[in-house]
Amino acid sequence: MDREVFQEQFGLLGKSDSIRQVVDKIMQVSKTDITVLLQGESGVGKDVTARAIHGLSDRKHNDLVIVNCGAIPEGIIESELFGHEKGAFTGANESREGYFEKADGGTIFLDEIGDTPKNVQVKLLRVLENGEFFRVGSSKVQTTDVRVIAATNKDLWQLVEEGTFREDLYYRLDTVQIYLPPLRERQEDIIEIFRKFVQGFSTRYDSVFKGFSDEARELLVSYRWPGNIRELRNVAEQ
């Protein structure tokens, strides 16, 4: 697939060298089942990148299951990921499959992987290595065939040194790393992305976009965008 067509299809906007490198790497690894670690600040588009990798892969006709590890309470994250049997804990009134079972044959995207508890990291390592896991409350080995994409806005190696993230899991996740640059590192893309967002919102809200004043262009490009593309999109909608 042509790079520009691919970028347009999956919303990976921009022509800067840094975003071209990201797209080239996505196109290189998508057809494999290799584990990918997406690294970058909040709002840079890690979820969009994960969808692009899945959408170009041989698993694209199966599910992409998105899991925000940082948003799941520590007490239930194991059950959410691996499922549980009836009676495994208070409130477990029936058996339930977890995200890894739901993603069987497809892709699982583990966002904010650095927030997973140590006891769950051990089980993630096992499922990454051989596809095996246990439901909570069961001694029966389950298997799943998934492609894993993980993402973090933290320095995972620093977490390893601090003792909150397993070193063996770090190396297993870090097979291929894709760094997603913040907007301030690709200022030449800001106007193009903003225009795309505004045109979309103009159509949705039946309004007219008349273009940029010189002052508006300068302000958009000079601002540091701490919230990155997510913030840029919100401003475009406003």
C-alpha atoms as a PDB file:
ATOM      1  CA  MET A   1       0.000   0.000   0.000  1.00  0.00           C
ATOM      2  CA  ASP A   2       1.204   3.500  -0.843  1.00  0.00           C
ATOM      3  CA  ARG A   3       2.373   5.470   2.205  1.00  0.00           C
ATOM      4  CA  GLU A   4       0.075   8.451   1.594  1.00  0.00           C
ATOM      5  CA  VAL A   5      -2.966   6.220   1.069  1.00  0.00           C
ATOM      6  CA  PHE A   6      -2.087   4.332   4.243  1.00  0.00           C
ATOM      7  CA  GLN A   7      -1.708   7.555   6.252  1.00  0.00           C
ATOM      8  CA  GLU A   8      -5.022   8.898   4.974  1.00  0.00           C
ATOM      9  CA  GLN A   9      -6.845   5.633   5.649  1.00  0.00           C
ATOM     10  CA  PHE A  10      -5.697   5.342   9.256  1.00  0.00           C
ATOM     11  CA  GLY A  11      -5.448   9.017  10.203  1.00  0.00           C
ATOM     12  CA  LEU A  12      -1.677   9.157  10.633  1.00  0.00           C
ATOM     13  CA  LEU A  13      -1.403  12.712   9.379  1.00  0.00           C
ATOM     14  CA  GLY A  14       1.731  14.658   8.551  1.00  0.00           C
ATOM     15  CA  LYS A  15       4.662  14.825   6.136  1.00  0.00           C
ATOM     16  CA  SER A  16       7.525  15.452   8.585  1.00  0.00           C
ATOM     17  CA  ASP A  17      10.529  13.120   8.579  1.00  0.00           C
ATOM     18  CA  SER A  18       9.635  11.875  12.059  1.00  0.00           C
ATOM     19  CA  ILE A  19       6.104  10.780  11.134  1.00  0.00           C
ATOM     20  CA  ARG A  20       7.377   9.235   7.901  1.00  0.00           C
ATOM     21  CA  GLN A  21       9.771   7.126   9.963  1.00  0.00           C
ATOM     22  CA  VAL A  22       6.871   6.020  12.157  1.00  0.00           C
ATOM     23  CA  VAL A  23       4.769   5.060   9.127  1.00  0.00           C
ATOM     24  CA  ASP A  24       7.672   3.186   7.510  1.00  0.00           C
ATOM     25  CA  LYS A  25       8.196   1.175  10.687  1.00  0.00           C
ATOM     26  CA  ILE A  26       4.474   0.397  10.982  1.00  0.00           C
ATOM     27  CA  MET A  27       4.404  -0.844   7.385  1.00  0.00           C
ATOM     28  CA  GLN A  28       7.514  -2.919   8.032  1.00  0.00           C
ATOM     29  CA  VAL A  29       6.251  -4.745  11.145  1.00  0.00           C
ATOM     30  CA  SER A  30       2.484  -4.968  10.556  1.00  0.00           C
ATOM     31  CA  LYS A  31       2.547  -8.193   8.542  1.00  0.00           C
ATOM     32  CA  THR A  32       4.505  -9.992  11.259  1.00  0.00           C
ATOM     33  CA  ASP A  33       3.242 -11.166  14.648  1.00  0.00           C
ATOM     34  CA  ILE A  34       6.092  -9.475  16.487  1.00  0.00           C
ATOM     35  CA  THR A  35       5.284  -7.642  19.718  1.00  0.00           C
ATOM     36  CA  VAL A  36       5.379  -3.847  19.351  1.00  0.00           C
ATOM     37  CA  LEU A  37       5.915  -1.266  22.103  1.00  0.00           C
ATOM     38  CA  LEU A  38       4.601   2.220  21.377  1.00  0.00           C
ATOM     39  CA  GLN A  39       6.400   4.922  23.319  1.00  0.00           C
ATOM     40  CA  GLY A  40       5.260   8.514  23.566  1.00  0.00           C
ATOM     41  CA  GLU A  41       3.572  11.228  25.563  1.00  0.00           C
ATOM     42  CA  SER A  42      -0.141  11.290  26.274  1.00  0.00           C
ATOM     43  CA  GLY A  43      -2.195  12.361  23.271  1.00  0.00           C
ATOM     44  CA  VAL A  44       0.313  11.550  20.508  1.00  0.00           C
ATOM     45  CA  GLY A  45      -1.927   8.931  18.891  1.00  0.00           C
ATOM     46  CA  LYS A  46      -0.818   5.580  20.283  1.00  0.00           C
ATOM     47  CA  ASP A  47      -4.329   4.168  19.871  1.00  0.00           C
ATOM     48  CA  VAL A  48      -4.451   5.343  16.236  1.00  0.00           C
ATOM     49  CA  THR A  49      -1.076   3.710  15.636  1.00  0.00           C
ATOM     50  CA  ALA A  50      -2.244   0.432  17.171  1.00  0.00           C
ATOM     51  CA  ARG A  51      -5.318   0.455  14.903  1.00  0.00           C
ATOM     52  CA  ALA A  52      -3.063   1.074  11.904  1.00  0.00           C
ATOM     53  CA  ILE A  53      -0.788  -1.856  12.777  1.00  0.00           C
ATOM     54  CA  HIS A  54      -3.784  -4.160  13.235  1.00  0.00           C
ATOM     55  CA  GLY A  55      -5.502  -2.824  10.106  1.00  0.00           C
ATOM     56  CA  LEU A  56      -2.509  -3.641   7.921  1.00  0.00           C
ATOM     57  CA  SER A  57      -1.889  -7.047   9.500  1.00  0.00           C
ATOM     58  CA  ASP A  58      -3.105 -10.489   8.480  1.00  0.00           C
ATOM     59  CA  ARG A  59      -5.306 -10.397  11.612  1.00  0.00           C
ATOM     60  CA  LYS A  60      -7.336  -7.402  10.425  1.00  0.00           C
ATOM     61  CA  HIS A  61     -10.514  -9.448   9.903  1.00  0.00           C
ATOM     62  CA  ASN A  62     -10.468 -10.483  13.573  1.00  0.00           C
ATOM     63  CA  ASP A  63     -10.927  -8.303  16.646  1.00  0.00           C
ATOM     64  CA  LEU A  64      -8.687  -5.554  17.931  1.00  0.00           C
ATOM     65  CA  VAL A  65      -9.279  -5.501  21.694  1.00  0.00           C
ATOM     66  CA  ILE A  66      -8.217  -2.248  23.380  1.00  0.00           C
ATOM     67  CA  VAL A  67      -7.370  -2.358  27.096  1.00  0.00           C
ATOM     68  CA  ASN A  68      -6.436   0.688  29.164  1.00  0.00           C
ATOM     69  CA  CYS A  69      -4.426  -0.991  31.920  1.00  0.00           C
ATOM     70  CA  GLY A  70      -4.188   2.255  33.890  1.00  0.00           C
ATOM     71  CA  ALA A  71      -7.967   2.609  34.102  1.00  0.00           C
ATOM     72  CA  ILE A  72      -8.671  -0.852  35.581  1.00  0.00           C
ATOM     73  CA  PRO A  73      -8.585  -1.102  39.403  1.00  0.00           C
ATOM     74  CA  GLU A  74      -5.758  -3.280  40.695  1.00  0.00           C
ATOM     75  CA  GLY A  75      -8.168  -5.699  42.377  1.00  0.00           C
ATOM     76  CA  ILE A  76      -9.903  -6.733  39.157  1.00  0.00           C
ATOM     77  CA  ILE A  77      -7.303  -6.311  36.408  1.00  0.00           C
ATOM     78  CA  GLU A  78      -6.298 -10.000  36.447  1.00  0.00           C
ATOM     79  CA  SER A  79      -9.924 -11.030  36.000  1.00  0.00           C
ATOM     80  CA  GLU A  80     -10.437  -8.453  33.245  1.00  0.00           C
ATOM     81  CA  LEU A  81      -7.410  -9.659  31.308  1.00  0.00           C
ATOM     82  CA  PHE A  82      -7.673 -13.415  31.817  1.00  0.00           C
ATOM     83  CA  GLY A  83     -11.286 -14.038  32.833  1.00  0.00           C
ATOM     84  CA  HIS A  84     -12.629 -15.889  35.871  1.00  0.00           C
ATOM     85  CA  GLU A  85     -14.662 -18.916  36.853  1.00  0.00           C
ATOM     86  CA  LYS A  86     -17.982 -18.840  38.655  1.00  0.00           C
ATOM     87  CA  GLY A  87     -17.438 -18.461  42.395  1.00  0.00           C
ATOM     88  CA  ALA A  88     -13.794 -17.385  42.028  1.00  0.00           C
ATOM     89  CA  PHE A  89     -14.474 -14.369  44.252  1.00  0.00           C
ATOM     90  CA  THR A  90     -17.372 -12.494  45.799  1.00  0.00           C
ATOM     91  CA  GLY A  91     -19.648 -11.301  43.019  1.00  0.00           C
ATOM     92  CA  ALA A  92     -18.396 -13.821  40.445  1.00  0.00           C
ATOM     93  CA  ASN A  93     -21.866 -15.217  39.765  1.00  0.00           C
ATOM     94  CA  GLU A  94     -20.929 -16.701  36.424  1.00  0.00           C
ATOM     95  CA  SER A  95     -17.871 -17.609  34.390  1.00  0.00           C
ATOM     96  CA  ARG A  96     -16.491 -14.826  32.215  1.00  0.00           C
ATOM     97  CA  GLU A  97     -13.888 -14.712  29.476  1.00  0.00           C
ATOM     98  CA  GLY A  98     -11.187 -12.069  29.672  1.00  0.00           C
ATOM     99  CA  TYR A  99      -9.721  -9.756  27.079  1.00  0.00           C
ATOM    100  CA  PHE A 100      -7.074 -12.270  25.970  1.00  0.00           C
ATOM    101  CA  GLU A 101      -9.786 -14.806  25.126  1.00  0.00           C
ATOM    102  CA  LYS A 102     -11.842 -12.169  23.304  1.00  0.00           C
ATOM    103  CA  ALA A 103      -8.795 -11.218  21.253  1.00  0.00           C
ATOM    104  CA  ASP A 104      -8.036 -14.814  20.193  1.00  0.00           C
ATOM    105  CA  GLY A 105      -7.043 -14.748  16.531  1.00  0.00           C
ATOM    106  CA  GLY A 106      -6.728 -10.965  16.567  1.00  0.00           C
ATOM    107  CA  THR A 107      -4.745  -8.252  18.315  1.00  0.00           C
ATOM    108  CA  ILE A 108      -4.742  -6.970  21.882  1.00  0.00           C
ATOM    109  CA  PHE A 109      -3.619  -3.402  22.588  1.00  0.00           C
ATOM    110  CA  LEU A 110      -2.408  -2.930  26.160  1.00  0.00           C
ATOM    111  CA  ASP A 111      -2.325   0.821  26.737  1.00  0.00           C
ATOM    112  CA  GLU A 112      -0.529   2.237  29.809  1.00  0.00           C
ATOM    113  CA  ILE A 113       1.260  -1.095  30.276  1.00  0.00           C
ATOM    114  CA  GLY A 114       3.549   0.502  32.889  1.00  0.00           C
ATOM    115  CA  ASP A 115       0.615   0.721  35.326  1.00  0.00           C
ATOM    116  CA  THR A 116       0.063  -3.042  35.586  1.00  0.00           C
ATOM    117  CA  PRO A 117       0.694  -4.555  39.061  1.00  0.00           C
ATOM    118  CA  LYS A 118       3.710  -6.831  39.583  1.00  0.00           C
ATOM    119  CA  ASN A 119       1.594  -9.977  40.133  1.00  0.00           C
ATOM    120  CA  VAL A 120      -0.177  -9.427  36.803  1.00  0.00           C
ATOM    121  CA  GLN A 121       3.117  -8.762  35.006  1.00  0.00           C
ATOM    122  CA  VAL A 122       4.176 -12.369  35.693  1.00  0.00           C
ATOM    123  CA  LYS A 123       1.041 -13.626  33.952  1.00  0.00           C
ATOM    124  CA  LEU A 124       1.478 -11.228  31.056  1.00  0.00           C
ATOM    125  CA  LEU A 125       4.985 -12.576  30.541  1.00  0.00           C
ATOM    126  CA  ARG A 126       3.668 -16.141  30.338  1.00  0.00           C
ATOM    127  CA  VAL A 127       0.959 -15.336  27.820  1.00  0.00           C
ATOM    128  CA  LEU A 128       3.453 -13.374  25.722  1.00  0.00           C
ATOM    129  CA  GLU A 129       5.921 -16.258  25.710  1.00  0.00           C
ATOM    130  CA  ASN A 130       3.646 -19.205  25.003  1.00  0.00           C
ATOM    131  CA  GLY A 131       0.043 -17.995  24.779  1.00  0.00           C
ATOM    132  CA  GLU A 132      -0.928 -19.727  28.029  1.00  0.00           C
ATOM    133  CA  PHE A 133      -2.866 -18.336  30.982  1.00  0.00           C
ATOM    134  CA  PHE A 134      -5.259 -19.321  33.759  1.00  0.00           C
ATOM    135  CA  ARG A 135      -8.639 -17.838  34.467  1.00  0.00           C
ATOM    136  CA  VAL A 136      -8.972 -16.583  38.038  1.00  0.00           C
ATOM    137  CA  GLY A 137     -10.234 -19.509  40.139  1.00  0.00           C
ATOM    138  CA  SER A 138      -9.209 -22.186  37.644  1.00  0.00           C
ATOM    139  CA  SER A 139      -6.299 -24.613  37.379  1.00  0.00           C
ATOM    140  CA  LYS A 140      -7.026 -25.395  33.726  1.00  0.00           C
ATOM    141  CA  VAL A 141      -4.549 -23.950  31.242  1.00  0.00           C
ATOM    142  CA  GLN A 142      -6.153 -21.764  28.575  1.00  0.00           C
ATOM    143  CA  THR A 143      -4.439 -20.814  25.330  1.00  0.00           C
ATOM    144  CA  THR A 144      -4.845 -17.844  23.054  1.00  0.00           C
ATOM    145  CA  ASP A 145      -3.342 -16.761  19.752  1.00  0.00           C
ATOM    146  CA  VAL A 146      -2.961 -12.987  19.892  1.00  0.00           C
ATOM    147  CA  ARG A 147      -0.653 -10.321  18.570  1.00  0.00           C
ATOM    148  CA  VAL A 148       0.323  -7.937  21.383  1.00  0.00           C
ATOM    149  CA  ILE A 149       0.797  -4.202  20.998  1.00  0.00           C
ATOM    150  CA  ALA A 150       1.681  -2.360  24.205  1.00  0.00           C
ATOM    151  CA  ALA A 151       1.969   1.362  24.857  1.00  0.00           C
ATOM    152  CA  THR A 152       3.310   3.621  27.556  1.00  0.00           C
ATOM    153  CA  ASN A 153       3.898   7.303  28.237  1.00  0.00           C
ATOM    154  CA  LYS A 154       6.406   6.373  30.943  1.00  0.00           C
ATOM    155  CA  ASP A 155      10.067   5.376  30.838  1.00  0.00           C
ATOM    156  CA  LEU A 156       9.700   1.603  31.312  1.00  0.00           C
ATOM    157  CA  TRP A 157      13.403   1.079  31.913  1.00  0.00           C
ATOM    158  CA  GLN A 158      13.279   3.609  34.740  1.00  0.00           C
ATOM    159  CA  LEU A 159      10.393   1.608  36.225  1.00  0.00           C
ATOM    160  CA  VAL A 160      12.566  -1.511  35.952  1.00  0.00           C
ATOM    161  CA  GLU A 161      15.367   0.239  37.846  1.00  0.00           C
ATOM    162  CA  GLU A 162      12.860   1.399  40.480  1.00  0.00           C
ATOM    163  CA  GLY A 163      11.672  -2.192  40.906  1.00  0.00           C
ATOM    164  CA  THR A 164       8.061  -1.619  39.846  1.00  0.00           C
ATOM    165  CA  PHE A 165       8.312  -3.276  36.421  1.00  0.00           C
ATOM    166  CA  ARG A 166       9.756  -6.701  35.654  1.00  0.00           C
ATOM    167  CA  GLU A 167      12.963  -6.679  33.618  1.00  0.00           C
ATOM    168  CA  ASP A 168      12.086  -9.907  31.774  1.00  0.00           C
ATOM    169  CA  LEU A 169       8.711  -8.483  30.741  1.00  0.00           C
ATOM    170  CA  TYR A 170      10.397  -5.272  29.607  1.00  0.00           C
ATOM    171  CA  TYR A 171      12.691  -7.180  27.240  1.00  0.00           C
ATOM    172  CA  ARG A 172       9.784  -9.288  25.968  1.00  0.00           C
ATOM    173  CA  LEU A 173       7.742  -6.167  25.169  1.00  0.00           C
ATOM    174  CA  ASP A 174      10.622  -4.171  23.731  1.00  0.00           C
ATOM    175  CA  THR A 175      11.143  -6.398  20.672  1.00  0.00           C
ATOM    176  CA  VAL A 176      10.235  -3.543  18.348  1.00  0.00           C
ATOM    177  CA  GLN A 177       9.807  -0.044  19.745  1.00  0.00           C
ATOM    178  CA  ILE A 178       8.077   2.762  17.857  1.00  0.00           C
ATOM    179  CA  TYR A 179       8.592   6.252  19.249  1.00  0.00           C
ATOM    180  CA  LEU A 180       5.712   8.615  18.524  1.00  0.00           C
ATOM    181  CA  PRO A 181       7.020  12.203  18.578  1.00  0.00           C
ATOM    182  CA  PRO A 182       5.101  15.003  20.318  1.00  0.00           C
ATOM    183  CA  LEU A 183       3.669  17.781  18.160  1.00  0.00           C
ATOM    184  CA  ARG A 184       6.337  20.250  19.288  1.00  0.00           C
ATOM    185  CA  GLU A 185       8.921  18.014  17.562  1.00  0.00           C
ATOM    186  CA  ARG A 186       7.055  18.123  14.237  1.00  0.00           C
ATOM    187  CA  GLN A 187       5.787  21.669  13.976  1.00  0.00           C
ATOM    188  CA  GLU A 188       5.599  21.445  10.173  1.00  0.00           C
ATOM    189  CA  ASP A 189       2.662  19.020  10.547  1.00  0.00           C
ATOM    190  CA  ILE A 190       0.517  21.159  12.861  1.00  0.00           C
ATOM    191  CA  ILE A 191      -1.301  23.278  10.252  1.00  0.00           C
ATOM    192  CA  GLU A 192      -2.081  20.260   8.043  1.00  0.00           C
ATOM    193  CA  ILE A 193      -3.475  18.232  10.946  1.00  0.00           C
ATOM    194  CA  PHE A 194      -5.453  21.189  12.312  1.00  0.00           C
ATOM    195  CA  ARG A 195      -6.933  21.897   8.855  1.00  0.00           C
ATOM    196  CA  LYS A 196      -7.995  18.249   8.525  1.00  0.00           C
ATOM    197  CA  PHE A 197      -9.728  18.338  11.919  1.00  0.00           C
ATOM    198  CA  VAL A 198     -11.460  21.684  11.228  1.00  0.00           C
ATOM    199  CA  GLN A 199     -12.720  20.543   7.830  1.00  0.00           C
ATOM    200  CA  GLY A 200     -14.169  17.429   9.421  1.00  0.00           C
ATOM    201  CA  PHE A 201     -15.908  19.395  12.165  1.00  0.00           C
ATOM    202  CA  SER A 202     -17.160  21.969   9.638  1.00  0.00           C
ATOM    203  CA  THR A 203     -18.899  19.197   7.717  1.00  0.00           C
ATOM    204  CA  ARG A 204     -20.299  17.654  10.886  1.00  0.00           C
ATOM    205  CA  TYR A 205     -21.656  20.940  12.267  1.00  0.00           C
ATOM    206  CA  ASP A 206     -22.609  22.424   8.888  1.00  0.00           C
ATOM    207  CA  SER A 207     -20.340  25.431   9.324  1.00  0.00           C
ATOM    208  CA  VAL A 208     -17.779  27.106   7.075  1.00  0.00           C
ATOM    209  CA  PHE A 209     -14.005  27.149   7.581  1.00  0.00           C
ATOM    210  CA  LYS A 210     -12.572  30.256   5.924  1.00  0.00           C
ATOM    211  CA  GLY A 211      -8.901  29.498   6.435  1.00  0.00           C
ATOM    212  CA  PHE A 212      -6.127  30.826   8.688  1.00  0.00           C
ATOM    213  CA  SER A 213      -4.975  34.330   9.431  1.00  0.00           C
ATOM    214  CA  ASP A 214      -1.202  34.807   9.661  1.00  0.00           C
ATOM    215  CA  GLU A 215      -1.586  35.406  13.389  1.00  0.00           C
ATOM    216  CA  ALA A 216      -3.528  32.155  13.833  1.00  0.00           C
ATOM    217  CA  ARG A 217      -0.902  30.171  11.923  1.00  0.00           C
ATOM    218  CA  GLU A 218       1.893  31.616  14.035  1.00  0.00           C
ATOM    219  CA  LEU A 219       0.021  30.900  17.254  1.00  0.00           C
ATOM    220  CA  LEU A 220      -0.758  27.299  16.291  1.00  0.00           C
ATOM    221  CA  VAL A 221       2.829  26.528  15.328  1.00  0.00           C
ATOM    222  CA  SER A 222       4.514  28.319  18.265  1.00  0.00           C
ATOM    223  CA  TYR A 223       2.295  26.785  20.979  1.00  0.00           C
ATOM    224  CA  ARG A 224       3.876  23.746  22.668  1.00  0.00           C
ATOM    225  CA  TRP A 225       0.718  21.549  22.694  1.00  0.00           C
ATOM    226  CA  PRO A 226       1.307  19.629  25.955  1.00  0.00           C
ATOM    227  CA  GLY A 227      -1.790  17.543  25.169  1.00  0.00           C
ATOM    228  CA  ASN A 228      -0.471  16.848  21.660  1.00  0.00           C
ATOM    229  CA  ILE A 229      -2.889  15.724  18.912  1.00  0.00           C
ATOM    230  CA  ARG A 230      -5.740  15.170  21.365  1.00  0.00           C
ATOM    231  CA  GLU A 231      -5.484  18.808  22.483  1.00  0.00           C
ATOM    232  CA  LEU A 232      -5.142  20.042  18.889  1.00  0.00           C
ATOM    233  CA  ARG A 233      -8.307  18.160  17.948  1.00  0.00           C
ATOM    234  CA  ASN A 234     -10.219  19.666  20.868  1.00  0.00           C
ATOM    235  CA  VAL A 235      -9.149  23.187  19.896  1.00  0.00           C
ATOM    236  CA  ALA A 236     -10.172  22.535  16.296  1.00  0.00           C
ATOM    237  CA  GLU A 237     -13.637  21.477  17.454  1.00  0.00           C
ATOM    238  CA  GLN A 238     -13.957  24.545  19.703  1.00  0.00           C
END
